Structure formats: structure tokens, C-alpha cells
Protein backbone atom coordinates (compact mmCIF):
# COMPACT_ATOMS: atom_id res chain seq x y z
CA MET A 1 6.87 -2.97 0.00
CA SER A 2 3.89 -4.30 1.74
CA GLY A 3 1.99 -6.91 -0.19
CA ILE A 4 -0.75 -5.68 1.37
CA THR A 5 -0.47 -2.17 -0.56
CA PHE A 6 -1.22 -4.14 -3.76
CA TRP A 7 -4.37 -5.62 -2.01
CA GLU A 8 -5.48 -2.11 -1.63
CA ILE A 9 -4.91 -0.71 -4.90
CA ALA A 10 -6.46 -3.86 -6.58
CA LEU A 11 -9.48 -3.33 -4.24
CA LYS A 12 -9.69 0.52 -5.09
CA ALA A 13 -9.18 -0.25 -8.67
CA GLY A 14 -12.02 -2.67 -8.66
CA LEU A 15 -14.28 -0.45 -6.77
CA GLY A 16 -13.68 2.45 -9.31
CA LYS A 17 -11.88 4.53 -6.61
CA LEU A 18 -8.33 4.11 -8.15
CA SER A 19 -7.59 4.54 -12.04
CA LEU A 20 -4.20 2.96 -13.08
CA GLU A 21 -3.00 4.61 -16.60
CA GLY A 22 -0.97 2.15 -18.89
CA CYS A 23 -1.05 -1.13 -16.25
CA SER A 24 -3.43 -3.12 -14.05
CA PRO A 25 -3.15 -3.74 -10.36
CA GLU A 26 -1.48 -7.16 -11.44
CA ASP A 27 1.36 -5.47 -13.02
CA LEU A 28 2.42 -3.58 -10.02
CA PRO A 29 4.13 -6.46 -8.45
CA ASP A 30 6.94 -7.25 -11.18
CA ALA A 31 7.11 -3.28 -11.66
CA ALA A 32 7.92 -2.63 -7.78
CA ARG A 33 10.82 -5.72 -8.22
CA ASN A 34 12.07 -4.28 -11.14
CA MET A 35 12.48 -0.99 -9.41
CA GLY A 36 14.37 -2.95 -6.57
CA PHE A 37 12.07 -3.03 -4.32
CA GLY A 38 11.59 -6.40 -1.75
CA ILE A 39 7.87 -7.57 -1.01
CA LEU A 40 7.08 -8.12 2.13
CA LEU A 41 4.26 -10.59 2.77
CA PRO A 42 1.63 -10.17 5.56
CA GLU A 43 2.60 -13.50 7.81
CA ALA A 44 0.38 -15.16 10.39
CA ALA A 45 2.31 -13.65 13.06
CA ASP A 46 1.66 -10.03 12.19
CA MET A 47 -2.22 -10.85 11.62
CA ALA A 48 -2.40 -12.83 15.05
CA SER A 49 -0.48 -9.70 17.00
CA PHE A 50 -2.52 -7.04 15.30
CA GLY A 51 -4.28 -6.40 18.17
CA ARG A 52 -1.32 -4.69 20.06
CA LEU A 53 -1.34 -2.03 17.69
CA PRO A 54 -2.99 0.85 19.91
CA ARG A 55 -5.37 2.98 18.07
CA ALA A 56 -3.18 5.80 17.62
CA GLY A 57 -4.02 6.99 14.11
CA PRO A 58 -6.19 6.22 10.92
CA LYS A 59 -9.05 3.88 10.98
CA ASP A 60 -7.96 2.48 7.63
CA PRO A 61 -7.49 -1.28 7.93
CA PHE A 62 -5.00 -1.23 5.24
CA ASP A 63 -2.95 1.55 6.97
CA ARG A 64 -2.96 -0.11 9.91
CA MET A 65 -1.65 -3.11 9.18
CA ILE A 66 1.31 -1.69 7.02
CA VAL A 67 2.11 -0.01 9.91
CA TRP A 68 2.05 -2.90 12.33
CA GLN A 69 4.36 -4.82 9.52
CA SER A 70 6.65 -1.72 9.77
CA ILE A 71 6.70 -1.82 13.67
CA ARG A 72 6.65 -5.82 14.07
CA THR A 73 9.74 -6.35 11.71
CA SER A 74 11.52 -3.11 12.72
CA ARG A 75 11.57 -1.80 9.02
CA THR A 76 10.98 1.94 7.95
CA LEU A 77 8.04 2.82 5.78
CA ILE A 78 8.53 5.28 2.99
CA THR A 79 4.89 7.38 3.37
CA ARG A 80 4.13 10.94 3.53
CA ASP A 81 1.25 10.54 5.45
CA GLY A 82 1.07 12.82 8.36
CA THR A 83 -1.89 10.78 9.93
CA LEU A 84 0.85 7.96 10.93
CA ASP A 85 2.55 10.24 13.27
CA PRO A 86 1.10 9.07 16.05
CA TYR A 87 2.62 5.82 15.97
CA ARG A 88 5.99 6.89 15.63
CA GLU A 89 5.89 7.10 19.84
CA HIS A 90 4.81 3.22 19.22
CA GLY A 91 8.00 2.10 16.94
CA LEU A 92 6.97 3.31 13.65
CA SER A 93 9.78 4.56 11.88
CA THR A 94 9.28 6.81 8.24
CA ILE A 95 11.00 8.46 5.75
CA TRP A 96 9.41 10.72 2.84
């Protein structure tokens, strides 16, 4: 799981665009670890090479960085977001 996911959740919750019941954004990293997920933190190399990601799908910067992390590190992204499909031809692997 990308650490960027937690950033996006915290941002949306803070803006009132996302409501979490029974937990706060701060609880989610521990919850993810307790479910057996590893957390992939963004590295300087992810950010510095981000410009290499083609503009093939959504414009959302969070989605694009998570896609780029997945491609760059050869990890499979767990998603049902069909708008990310154009990135498959650029190396994105997804399941779900």
C-alpha cells in the first residue's frame, strides 16, 4: 500500500470530502499493517522520475503518483479504477 494513499485520505477527510466512521486518518497506517499490508513510502527517486509517466489516464496527482510508484517498483496495484487502464501499456499491473 502506498503511503500516498494515507496522504490523500487525510487531505480529503480534512476538507470534509471524506467521512471516516470509527477511526481517523491517523489510525489507518496501523490498521493496514495489522491486515498484513506493507507500506511503500514515496522515495526521492519516485518523485524525481515522475515526469517520465505518460499522460495516459486521470489527472489526479495522487492517482498518478501511486501508478508511477507501482510501475517504477514493479508492484501490482490493487484497484477497481478502470480509468487507470491506459497505464497498462506503460507497465502498470493491477488486480481486483
